[in-house]
Amino acid sequence: MFSTSSCEGTRRHVKDNYTHLSGEALETVMVEENVLSQLESLRTHPAVRSRLSRGQLTLHGWVYKMETGEAFHFSDASGQFESFNQKIASIPQQRRTSVRPMRSIVGI
């Protein structure tokens, strides 16, 4: 469910609103804005809209930086993408579960 028109809208939005950015910063904003645009698109789908309104579904926007292995989630509270590392650090040590690398789960 990847909308080409949504991508074009994201490109225009970034071009119009982020003229001060270039290089990696501009790429990051493009990716983040596209994730938000795709979430908006999902919310318009009848089945998704219905389940959201009944509290049976929650949508999450994530960005993964392959170069660094960092993962970010969109926070409705701050209106920003935040590092999962910050979120994990805020959880008391005794409540954290162990996390295994993906390659150990899929047998790579």
C-alpha atoms as a PDB file:
ATOM      1  CA  MET A   1       0.000   0.000   0.000  1.00  0.00           C
ATOM      2  CA  PHE A   2       2.632   2.460  -1.117  1.00  0.00           C
ATOM      3  CA  SER A   3       1.023   5.404  -2.863  1.00  0.00           C
ATOM      4  CA  THR A   4       2.944   7.082  -5.688  1.00  0.00           C
ATOM      5  CA  SER A   5       0.823  10.223  -5.374  1.00  0.00           C
ATOM      6  CA  SER A   6       1.590  10.240  -1.659  1.00  0.00           C
ATOM      7  CA  CYS A   7       5.313  10.098  -2.438  1.00  0.00           C
ATOM      8  CA  GLU A   8       4.970  13.021  -4.827  1.00  0.00           C
ATOM      9  CA  GLY A   9       3.064  14.967  -2.177  1.00  0.00           C
ATOM     10  CA  THR A  10       5.810  14.242   0.337  1.00  0.00           C
ATOM     11  CA  ARG A  11       8.480  15.373  -2.118  1.00  0.00           C
ATOM     12  CA  ARG A  12       6.643  18.661  -2.718  1.00  0.00           C
ATOM     13  CA  HIS A  13       6.046  19.190   1.006  1.00  0.00           C
ATOM     14  CA  VAL A  14       9.740  18.675   1.806  1.00  0.00           C
ATOM     15  CA  LYS A  15      10.856  20.855  -1.108  1.00  0.00           C
ATOM     16  CA  ASP A  16       8.551  23.688   0.016  1.00  0.00           C
ATOM     17  CA  ASN A  17       9.186  23.481   3.767  1.00  0.00           C
ATOM     18  CA  TYR A  18      12.750  22.298   4.238  1.00  0.00           C
ATOM     19  CA  THR A  19      14.732  24.531   1.879  1.00  0.00           C
ATOM     20  CA  HIS A  20      17.339  25.092   4.608  1.00  0.00           C
ATOM     21  CA  LEU A  21      18.338  21.387   4.648  1.00  0.00           C
ATOM     22  CA  SER A  22      20.621  19.444   2.335  1.00  0.00           C
ATOM     23  CA  GLY A  23      22.449  16.139   2.134  1.00  0.00           C
ATOM     24  CA  GLU A  24      21.829  13.573   4.852  1.00  0.00           C
ATOM     25  CA  ALA A  25      19.562  15.872   6.871  1.00  0.00           C
ATOM     26  CA  LEU A  26      17.305  16.354   3.851  1.00  0.00           C
ATOM     27  CA  GLU A  27      17.237  12.601   3.189  1.00  0.00           C
ATOM     28  CA  THR A  28      16.264  11.933   6.804  1.00  0.00           C
ATOM     29  CA  VAL A  29      13.425  14.462   6.650  1.00  0.00           C
ATOM     30  CA  MET A  30      12.218  12.970   3.359  1.00  0.00           C
ATOM     31  CA  VAL A  31      12.062   9.481   4.883  1.00  0.00           C
ATOM     32  CA  GLU A  32      10.339  10.704   8.055  1.00  0.00           C
ATOM     33  CA  GLU A  33       7.794  12.800   6.165  1.00  0.00           C
ATOM     34  CA  ASN A  34       7.070   9.866   3.872  1.00  0.00           C
ATOM     35  CA  VAL A  35       6.387   7.608   6.872  1.00  0.00           C
ATOM     36  CA  LEU A  36       3.941  10.195   8.230  1.00  0.00           C
ATOM     37  CA  SER A  37       2.301  10.519   4.818  1.00  0.00           C
ATOM     38  CA  GLN A  38       1.855   6.742   4.591  1.00  0.00           C
ATOM     39  CA  LEU A  39       0.266   6.723   8.058  1.00  0.00           C
ATOM     40  CA  GLU A  40      -2.189   9.401   6.903  1.00  0.00           C
ATOM     41  CA  SER A  41      -2.979   7.311   3.842  1.00  0.00           C
ATOM     42  CA  LEU A  42      -3.575   4.197   5.949  1.00  0.00           C
ATOM     43  CA  ARG A  43      -5.988   6.125   8.178  1.00  0.00           C
ATOM     44  CA  THR A  44      -8.234   6.778   5.164  1.00  0.00           C
ATOM     45  CA  HIS A  45      -8.721   3.072   4.407  1.00  0.00           C
ATOM     46  CA  PRO A  46     -12.239   2.072   5.589  1.00  0.00           C
ATOM     47  CA  ALA A  47     -11.150  -1.045   7.509  1.00  0.00           C
ATOM     48  CA  VAL A  48      -8.300   0.809   9.211  1.00  0.00           C
ATOM     49  CA  ARG A  49     -10.447   3.858  10.009  1.00  0.00           C
ATOM     50  CA  SER A  50     -13.138   1.636  11.522  1.00  0.00           C
ATOM     51  CA  ARG A  51     -10.752  -0.284  13.753  1.00  0.00           C
ATOM     52  CA  LEU A  52      -8.953   2.891  14.816  1.00  0.00           C
ATOM     53  CA  SER A  53     -12.249   4.465  15.882  1.00  0.00           C
ATOM     54  CA  ARG A  54     -13.143   1.353  17.936  1.00  0.00           C
ATOM     55  CA  GLY A  55      -9.713   1.273  19.581  1.00  0.00           C
ATOM     56  CA  GLN A  56      -8.911  -2.098  17.995  1.00  0.00           C
ATOM     57  CA  LEU A  57      -5.894  -0.873  16.050  1.00  0.00           C
ATOM     58  CA  THR A  58      -2.928   1.364  16.704  1.00  0.00           C
ATOM     59  CA  LEU A  59      -0.633   2.641  13.960  1.00  0.00           C
ATOM     60  CA  HIS A  60       3.057   3.277  14.549  1.00  0.00           C
ATOM     61  CA  GLY A  61       5.570   5.122  12.388  1.00  0.00           C
ATOM     62  CA  TRP A  62       9.121   3.802  12.535  1.00  0.00           C
ATOM     63  CA  VAL A  63      12.326   4.705  10.735  1.00  0.00           C
ATOM     64  CA  TYR A  64      15.387   2.461  10.695  1.00  0.00           C
ATOM     65  CA  LYS A  65      18.811   3.850   9.754  1.00  0.00           C
ATOM     66  CA  MET A  66      20.706   1.012   8.152  1.00  0.00           C
ATOM     67  CA  GLU A  67      24.037   2.855   8.365  1.00  0.00           C
ATOM     68  CA  THR A  68      23.941   3.092  12.153  1.00  0.00           C
ATOM     69  CA  GLY A  69      21.420   0.448  13.205  1.00  0.00           C
ATOM     70  CA  GLU A  70      19.371   3.099  14.988  1.00  0.00           C
ATOM     71  CA  ALA A  71      15.589   2.859  15.099  1.00  0.00           C
ATOM     72  CA  PHE A  72      13.222   5.768  15.657  1.00  0.00           C
ATOM     73  CA  HIS A  73       9.510   5.906  16.430  1.00  0.00           C
ATOM     74  CA  PHE A  74       7.138   8.781  15.878  1.00  0.00           C
ATOM     75  CA  SER A  75       5.900  10.205  19.164  1.00  0.00           C
ATOM     76  CA  ASP A  76       2.455  11.789  19.061  1.00  0.00           C
ATOM     77  CA  ALA A  77       3.286  13.527  22.331  1.00  0.00           C
ATOM     78  CA  SER A  78       6.328  15.389  20.982  1.00  0.00           C
ATOM     79  CA  GLY A  79       5.408  15.407  17.291  1.00  0.00           C
ATOM     80  CA  GLN A  80       8.929  14.151  16.535  1.00  0.00           C
ATOM     81  CA  PHE A  81      10.721  10.937  15.673  1.00  0.00           C
ATOM     82  CA  GLU A  82      12.511   9.761  18.796  1.00  0.00           C
ATOM     83  CA  SER A  83      15.215   7.166  19.213  1.00  0.00           C
ATOM     84  CA  PHE A  84      14.133   3.829  20.648  1.00  0.00           C
ATOM     85  CA  ASN A  85      17.365   4.015  22.646  1.00  0.00           C
ATOM     86  CA  GLN A  86      15.951   6.999  24.560  1.00  0.00           C
ATOM     87  CA  LYS A  87      12.699   5.155  25.163  1.00  0.00           C
ATOM     88  CA  ILE A  88      14.492   2.005  26.360  1.00  0.00           C
ATOM     89  CA  ALA A  89      16.752   4.060  28.633  1.00  0.00           C
ATOM     90  CA  SER A  90      13.664   5.499  30.352  1.00  0.00           C
ATOM     91  CA  ILE A  91      12.404   2.010  31.302  1.00  0.00           C
ATOM     92  CA  PRO A  92      13.645   0.857  34.716  1.00  0.00           C
ATOM     93  CA  GLN A  93      16.308  -1.862  34.357  1.00  0.00           C
ATOM     94  CA  GLN A  94      14.211  -4.475  36.183  1.00  0.00           C
ATOM     95  CA  ARG A  95      11.318  -4.041  33.696  1.00  0.00           C
ATOM     96  CA  ARG A  96      13.426  -4.445  30.541  1.00  0.00           C
ATOM     97  CA  THR A  97      13.260  -7.713  28.663  1.00  0.00           C
ATOM     98  CA  SER A  98      16.254  -9.151  26.899  1.00  0.00           C
ATOM     99  CA  VAL A  99      16.524  -8.282  23.231  1.00  0.00           C
ATOM    100  CA  ARG A 100      18.140 -10.705  20.806  1.00  0.00           C
ATOM    101  CA  PRO A 101      19.695  -9.621  17.507  1.00  0.00           C
ATOM    102  CA  MET A 102      17.414 -10.332  14.532  1.00  0.00           C
ATOM    103  CA  ARG A 103      19.988 -12.667  12.954  1.00  0.00           C
ATOM    104  CA  SER A 104      19.739 -14.991  15.969  1.00  0.00           C
ATOM    105  CA  ILE A 105      15.967 -15.121  15.587  1.00  0.00           C
ATOM    106  CA  VAL A 106      15.906 -15.901  11.856  1.00  0.00           C
ATOM    107  CA  GLY A 107      18.994 -18.139  11.962  1.00  0.00           C
ATOM    108  CA  ILE A 108      21.405 -16.056   9.892  1.00  0.00           C
END
